[in-house]
Amino acid sequence: MSQLHTIRCVACEGGVPPLSETEVNQFLQEVRGWSVSSDAKWIYHVFKFKDHYETMAFVNAIAWISHQENHHPDLEVGYNHCKVSYQTHAIGGLSKNDFICAAKIDQLT
C-alpha cells in the first residue's frame, strides 16, 4: 500500500526536471484510478458522486488539502462529478507533489 498520503509536498519553484516516464508510471501505480495525459504532463481522475451536495463536499475537502500542501489542482465540477487534474506548473510537467496530493485525495473516497 502506498504511503504517499503521509508525505508533505515540497515547494517547487522550477529549475528541476519533470518526472521521467518511468517515474510517472511507478508513482501512477501508487494512486487508485488516476490516469496520465497523452503528453505525460498531467495526471487526472474523474470522481462520481450521488448528488451535488456530495460533489461540493468533496471539492471543499480538496480545497483544504491543496491549501495545506500549497499545491493546487485544476478542477472541473458538475452536478455529480469532479475531474481533478494535477501538474506542477513551475516545471511544466509532473513532480512527486502531484502524486502526493492525488494520494491524499484518494483517502477521501
N, C-alpha and C. Protein backbone atom coordinates (compact mmCIF):
# COMPACT_ATOMS: atom_id res chain seq x y z
N MET A 1 0.84 -1.19 0.00
CA MET A 1 0.00 0.00 0.00
C MET A 1 0.89 1.25 0.00
N SER A 2 0.48 2.24 -0.74
CA SER A 2 1.23 3.48 -0.87
C SER A 2 1.25 4.27 0.43
N GLN A 3 2.35 4.91 0.69
CA GLN A 3 2.47 5.80 1.84
C GLN A 3 2.55 7.26 1.40
N LEU A 4 2.30 7.52 0.12
CA LEU A 4 2.39 8.89 -0.39
C LEU A 4 1.49 9.86 0.39
N HIS A 5 0.34 9.37 0.84
CA HIS A 5 -0.59 10.26 1.55
C HIS A 5 -0.03 10.74 2.90
N THR A 6 1.06 10.16 3.37
CA THR A 6 1.64 10.57 4.66
C THR A 6 2.77 11.59 4.50
N ILE A 7 3.12 11.89 3.25
CA ILE A 7 4.25 12.78 2.95
C ILE A 7 3.72 14.18 2.64
N ARG A 8 4.48 15.20 2.99
CA ARG A 8 4.12 16.58 2.66
C ARG A 8 4.79 17.00 1.36
N CYS A 9 4.12 17.90 0.64
CA CYS A 9 4.69 18.46 -0.58
C CYS A 9 5.87 19.37 -0.23
N VAL A 10 6.83 19.42 -1.15
CA VAL A 10 7.99 20.29 -1.03
C VAL A 10 7.84 21.37 -2.09
N ALA A 11 7.99 22.62 -1.69
CA ALA A 11 7.82 23.73 -2.63
C ALA A 11 8.71 23.54 -3.85
N CYS A 12 8.14 23.83 -5.01
CA CYS A 12 8.87 23.69 -6.27
C CYS A 12 8.78 25.01 -7.01
N GLU A 13 9.90 25.68 -7.15
CA GLU A 13 9.94 26.97 -7.83
C GLU A 13 10.52 26.85 -9.23
N GLY A 14 10.68 25.64 -9.70
CA GLY A 14 11.25 25.43 -11.03
C GLY A 14 12.71 25.06 -10.93
N GLY A 15 13.34 24.93 -12.07
CA GLY A 15 14.75 24.60 -12.10
C GLY A 15 15.06 23.13 -11.94
N VAL A 16 14.03 22.30 -11.79
CA VAL A 16 14.22 20.85 -11.72
C VAL A 16 13.44 20.22 -12.87
N PRO A 17 13.89 19.11 -13.38
CA PRO A 17 13.17 18.50 -14.49
C PRO A 17 11.89 17.80 -14.01
N PRO A 18 10.90 17.71 -14.89
CA PRO A 18 9.72 16.91 -14.56
C PRO A 18 10.12 15.44 -14.40
N LEU A 19 9.24 14.67 -13.79
CA LEU A 19 9.48 13.24 -13.64
C LEU A 19 9.61 12.58 -15.01
N SER A 20 10.44 11.56 -15.08
CA SER A 20 10.59 10.78 -16.31
C SER A 20 9.35 9.90 -16.49
N GLU A 21 9.21 9.35 -17.67
CA GLU A 21 8.08 8.46 -17.94
C GLU A 21 8.11 7.26 -17.00
N THR A 22 9.29 6.72 -16.73
CA THR A 22 9.42 5.60 -15.80
C THR A 22 8.97 5.98 -14.40
N GLU A 23 9.40 7.15 -13.93
CA GLU A 23 9.00 7.62 -12.60
C GLU A 23 7.49 7.86 -12.53
N VAL A 24 6.94 8.46 -13.58
CA VAL A 24 5.48 8.70 -13.62
C VAL A 24 4.74 7.37 -13.51
N ASN A 25 5.16 6.38 -14.28
CA ASN A 25 4.50 5.08 -14.25
C ASN A 25 4.62 4.39 -12.89
N GLN A 26 5.75 4.58 -12.21
CA GLN A 26 5.92 4.00 -10.88
C GLN A 26 4.97 4.67 -9.89
N PHE A 27 4.92 6.00 -9.90
CA PHE A 27 4.03 6.72 -8.99
C PHE A 27 2.56 6.46 -9.33
N LEU A 28 2.25 6.31 -10.60
CA LEU A 28 0.88 6.08 -11.02
C LEU A 28 0.32 4.80 -10.41
N GLN A 29 1.18 3.83 -10.16
CA GLN A 29 0.76 2.58 -9.53
C GLN A 29 0.39 2.76 -8.06
N GLU A 30 0.77 3.90 -7.49
CA GLU A 30 0.52 4.14 -6.07
C GLU A 30 -0.75 4.94 -5.81
N VAL A 31 -1.44 5.34 -6.87
CA VAL A 31 -2.71 6.07 -6.72
C VAL A 31 -3.80 5.31 -7.46
N ARG A 32 -5.00 5.29 -6.90
CA ARG A 32 -6.09 4.49 -7.45
C ARG A 32 -6.88 5.26 -8.52
N GLY A 33 -6.95 4.70 -9.71
CA GLY A 33 -7.83 5.24 -10.73
C GLY A 33 -7.35 6.49 -11.45
N TRP A 34 -6.16 6.93 -11.18
CA TRP A 34 -5.63 8.12 -11.84
C TRP A 34 -5.03 7.72 -13.18
N SER A 35 -5.11 8.65 -14.13
CA SER A 35 -4.56 8.44 -15.47
C SER A 35 -3.57 9.54 -15.78
N VAL A 36 -2.72 9.28 -16.75
CA VAL A 36 -1.76 10.28 -17.19
C VAL A 36 -2.17 10.75 -18.58
N SER A 37 -2.02 12.03 -18.82
CA SER A 37 -2.37 12.59 -20.12
C SER A 37 -1.45 12.05 -21.21
N SER A 38 -1.88 12.17 -22.45
CA SER A 38 -1.10 11.63 -23.57
C SER A 38 0.27 12.28 -23.70
N ASP A 39 0.40 13.54 -23.24
CA ASP A 39 1.70 14.21 -23.28
C ASP A 39 2.51 14.01 -22.01
N ALA A 40 1.98 13.22 -21.07
CA ALA A 40 2.63 12.87 -19.79
C ALA A 40 2.94 14.09 -18.94
N LYS A 41 2.13 15.16 -19.08
CA LYS A 41 2.35 16.37 -18.29
C LYS A 41 1.31 16.57 -17.19
N TRP A 42 0.28 15.74 -17.19
CA TRP A 42 -0.81 15.86 -16.22
C TRP A 42 -1.21 14.48 -15.73
N ILE A 43 -1.72 14.42 -14.49
CA ILE A 43 -2.47 13.26 -14.05
C ILE A 43 -3.88 13.76 -13.74
N TYR A 44 -4.84 12.87 -13.90
CA TYR A 44 -6.23 13.28 -13.67
C TYR A 44 -7.07 12.08 -13.25
N HIS A 45 -8.20 12.41 -12.63
CA HIS A 45 -9.16 11.40 -12.19
C HIS A 45 -10.53 12.06 -12.17
N VAL A 46 -11.54 11.36 -12.68
CA VAL A 46 -12.92 11.84 -12.61
C VAL A 46 -13.62 11.06 -11.50
N PHE A 47 -14.06 11.78 -10.48
CA PHE A 47 -14.77 11.19 -9.35
C PHE A 47 -16.27 11.40 -9.55
N LYS A 48 -17.06 10.37 -9.26
CA LYS A 48 -18.51 10.42 -9.41
C LYS A 48 -19.17 10.39 -8.03
N PHE A 49 -20.29 11.12 -7.91
CA PHE A 49 -20.99 11.21 -6.64
C PHE A 49 -22.50 11.05 -6.83
N LYS A 50 -23.18 10.88 -5.72
CA LYS A 50 -24.63 10.68 -5.74
C LYS A 50 -25.37 11.95 -6.15
N ASP A 51 -24.88 13.09 -5.68
CA ASP A 51 -25.60 14.33 -5.94
C ASP A 51 -24.66 15.53 -5.81
N HIS A 52 -25.23 16.70 -6.00
CA HIS A 52 -24.44 17.93 -5.97
C HIS A 52 -23.83 18.19 -4.58
N TYR A 53 -24.56 17.89 -3.54
CA TYR A 53 -24.06 18.11 -2.19
C TYR A 53 -22.78 17.30 -1.94
N GLU A 54 -22.79 16.03 -2.30
CA GLU A 54 -21.60 15.20 -2.11
C GLU A 54 -20.44 15.70 -2.97
N THR A 55 -20.75 16.13 -4.18
CA THR A 55 -19.70 16.66 -5.05
C THR A 55 -19.06 17.88 -4.42
N MET A 56 -19.87 18.80 -3.92
CA MET A 56 -19.33 20.04 -3.34
C MET A 56 -18.59 19.77 -2.03
N ALA A 57 -19.02 18.81 -1.25
CA ALA A 57 -18.29 18.45 -0.03
C ALA A 57 -16.90 17.94 -0.41
N PHE A 58 -16.82 17.15 -1.47
CA PHE A 58 -15.55 16.64 -1.96
C PHE A 58 -14.66 17.79 -2.43
N VAL A 59 -15.22 18.72 -3.19
CA VAL A 59 -14.47 19.87 -3.68
C VAL A 59 -13.92 20.68 -2.50
N ASN A 60 -14.72 20.88 -1.47
CA ASN A 60 -14.25 21.63 -0.30
C ASN A 60 -13.13 20.88 0.43
N ALA A 61 -13.21 19.57 0.48
CA ALA A 61 -12.14 18.79 1.10
C ALA A 61 -10.85 18.92 0.28
N ILE A 62 -10.97 18.92 -1.03
CA ILE A 62 -9.79 19.13 -1.89
C ILE A 62 -9.20 20.51 -1.64
N ALA A 63 -10.06 21.51 -1.49
CA ALA A 63 -9.57 22.88 -1.23
C ALA A 63 -8.75 22.90 0.06
N TRP A 64 -9.18 22.18 1.08
CA TRP A 64 -8.44 22.15 2.34
C TRP A 64 -7.08 21.47 2.13
N ILE A 65 -7.08 20.34 1.43
CA ILE A 65 -5.82 19.63 1.16
C ILE A 65 -4.87 20.51 0.38
N SER A 66 -5.36 21.14 -0.68
CA SER A 66 -4.48 21.95 -1.52
C SER A 66 -3.93 23.15 -0.76
N HIS A 67 -4.73 23.70 0.15
CA HIS A 67 -4.24 24.81 0.99
C HIS A 67 -3.13 24.31 1.93
N GLN A 68 -3.34 23.17 2.55
CA GLN A 68 -2.35 22.61 3.47
C GLN A 68 -1.05 22.27 2.76
N GLU A 69 -1.14 21.77 1.55
CA GLU A 69 0.04 21.33 0.80
C GLU A 69 0.62 22.44 -0.08
N ASN A 70 -0.11 23.54 -0.23
CA ASN A 70 0.28 24.63 -1.12
C ASN A 70 0.57 24.09 -2.53
N HIS A 71 -0.30 23.19 -2.96
CA HIS A 71 -0.20 22.59 -4.29
C HIS A 71 -1.63 22.40 -4.78
N HIS A 72 -1.99 23.10 -5.83
CA HIS A 72 -3.39 23.26 -6.20
C HIS A 72 -3.72 22.58 -7.53
N PRO A 73 -4.82 21.81 -7.56
CA PRO A 73 -5.22 21.14 -8.79
C PRO A 73 -6.09 22.05 -9.66
N ASP A 74 -6.29 21.63 -10.88
CA ASP A 74 -7.35 22.19 -11.71
C ASP A 74 -8.57 21.31 -11.47
N LEU A 75 -9.72 21.94 -11.30
CA LEU A 75 -10.96 21.20 -11.05
C LEU A 75 -11.99 21.54 -12.10
N GLU A 76 -12.70 20.51 -12.57
CA GLU A 76 -13.87 20.69 -13.43
C GLU A 76 -15.02 20.05 -12.67
N VAL A 77 -15.99 20.88 -12.26
CA VAL A 77 -17.05 20.44 -11.36
C VAL A 77 -18.40 20.47 -12.06
N GLY A 78 -19.14 19.38 -11.93
CA GLY A 78 -20.51 19.29 -12.42
C GLY A 78 -21.42 18.83 -11.32
N TYR A 79 -22.66 18.59 -11.64
CA TYR A 79 -23.67 18.22 -10.65
C TYR A 79 -23.23 17.04 -9.78
N ASN A 80 -22.77 15.96 -10.40
CA ASN A 80 -22.43 14.76 -9.63
C ASN A 80 -21.06 14.20 -10.00
N HIS A 81 -20.16 15.08 -10.42
CA HIS A 81 -18.81 14.62 -10.76
C HIS A 81 -17.81 15.76 -10.60
N CYS A 82 -16.56 15.37 -10.45
CA CYS A 82 -15.47 16.34 -10.35
C CYS A 82 -14.23 15.72 -10.99
N LYS A 83 -13.69 16.41 -11.98
CA LYS A 83 -12.43 15.99 -12.58
C LYS A 83 -11.32 16.76 -11.90
N VAL A 84 -10.37 16.04 -11.34
CA VAL A 84 -9.23 16.63 -10.65
C VAL A 84 -8.00 16.38 -11.51
N SER A 85 -7.28 17.46 -11.84
CA SER A 85 -6.08 17.35 -12.66
C SER A 85 -4.91 18.02 -11.95
N TYR A 86 -3.78 17.37 -11.97
CA TYR A 86 -2.57 17.91 -11.35
C TYR A 86 -1.44 18.02 -12.35
N GLN A 87 -0.69 19.10 -12.23
CA GLN A 87 0.57 19.33 -12.91
C GLN A 87 1.35 20.30 -12.04
N THR A 88 2.64 20.17 -12.00
CA THR A 88 3.47 21.16 -11.31
C THR A 88 3.82 22.22 -12.34
N HIS A 89 3.07 23.31 -12.30
CA HIS A 89 3.18 24.35 -13.33
C HIS A 89 4.59 24.94 -13.42
N ALA A 90 5.28 25.04 -12.29
CA ALA A 90 6.62 25.65 -12.28
C ALA A 90 7.62 24.88 -13.13
N ILE A 91 7.36 23.59 -13.36
CA ILE A 91 8.28 22.79 -14.18
C ILE A 91 7.62 22.31 -15.47
N GLY A 92 6.36 22.66 -15.67
CA GLY A 92 5.68 22.28 -16.91
C GLY A 92 5.47 20.80 -17.08
N GLY A 93 5.33 20.09 -15.98
CA GLY A 93 5.14 18.64 -16.02
C GLY A 93 4.81 18.11 -14.65
N LEU A 94 5.07 16.85 -14.45
CA LEU A 94 4.71 16.19 -13.20
C LEU A 94 5.88 16.12 -12.22
N SER A 95 5.54 16.29 -10.95
CA SER A 95 6.51 16.12 -9.86
C SER A 95 5.91 15.17 -8.83
N LYS A 96 6.70 14.79 -7.88
CA LYS A 96 6.21 13.92 -6.80
C LYS A 96 5.05 14.58 -6.07
N ASN A 97 5.05 15.92 -5.98
CA ASN A 97 3.95 16.63 -5.31
C ASN A 97 2.59 16.28 -5.89
N ASP A 98 2.52 16.12 -7.21
CA ASP A 98 1.26 15.80 -7.86
C ASP A 98 0.72 14.46 -7.36
N PHE A 99 1.60 13.51 -7.18
CA PHE A 99 1.19 12.18 -6.73
C PHE A 99 0.91 12.16 -5.22
N ILE A 100 1.61 12.98 -4.46
CA ILE A 100 1.33 13.11 -3.03
C ILE A 100 -0.11 13.60 -2.85
N CYS A 101 -0.46 14.66 -3.59
CA CYS A 101 -1.81 15.20 -3.46
C CYS A 101 -2.87 14.24 -3.98
N ALA A 102 -2.57 13.55 -5.06
CA ALA A 102 -3.51 12.55 -5.58
C ALA A 102 -3.76 11.47 -4.52
N ALA A 103 -2.71 11.02 -3.85
CA ALA A 103 -2.86 10.00 -2.81
C ALA A 103 -3.69 10.53 -1.63
N LYS A 104 -3.51 11.79 -1.28
CA LYS A 104 -4.31 12.38 -0.20
C LYS A 104 -5.78 12.46 -0.60
N ILE A 105 -6.04 12.79 -1.86
CA ILE A 105 -7.43 12.83 -2.34
C ILE A 105 -8.03 11.43 -2.36
N ASP A 106 -7.23 10.43 -2.71
CA ASP A 106 -7.71 9.05 -2.67
C ASP A 106 -8.20 8.67 -1.29
N GLN A 107 -7.62 9.24 -0.27
CA GLN A 107 -8.02 8.93 1.11
C GLN A 107 -9.42 9.45 1.42
N LEU A 108 -9.93 10.38 0.62
CA LEU A 108 -11.27 10.94 0.83
C LEU A 108 -12.37 10.01 0.36
N THR A 109 -12.04 9.12 -0.58
CA THR A 109 -13.09 8.30 -1.19
C THR A 109 -13.09 6.87 -0.67
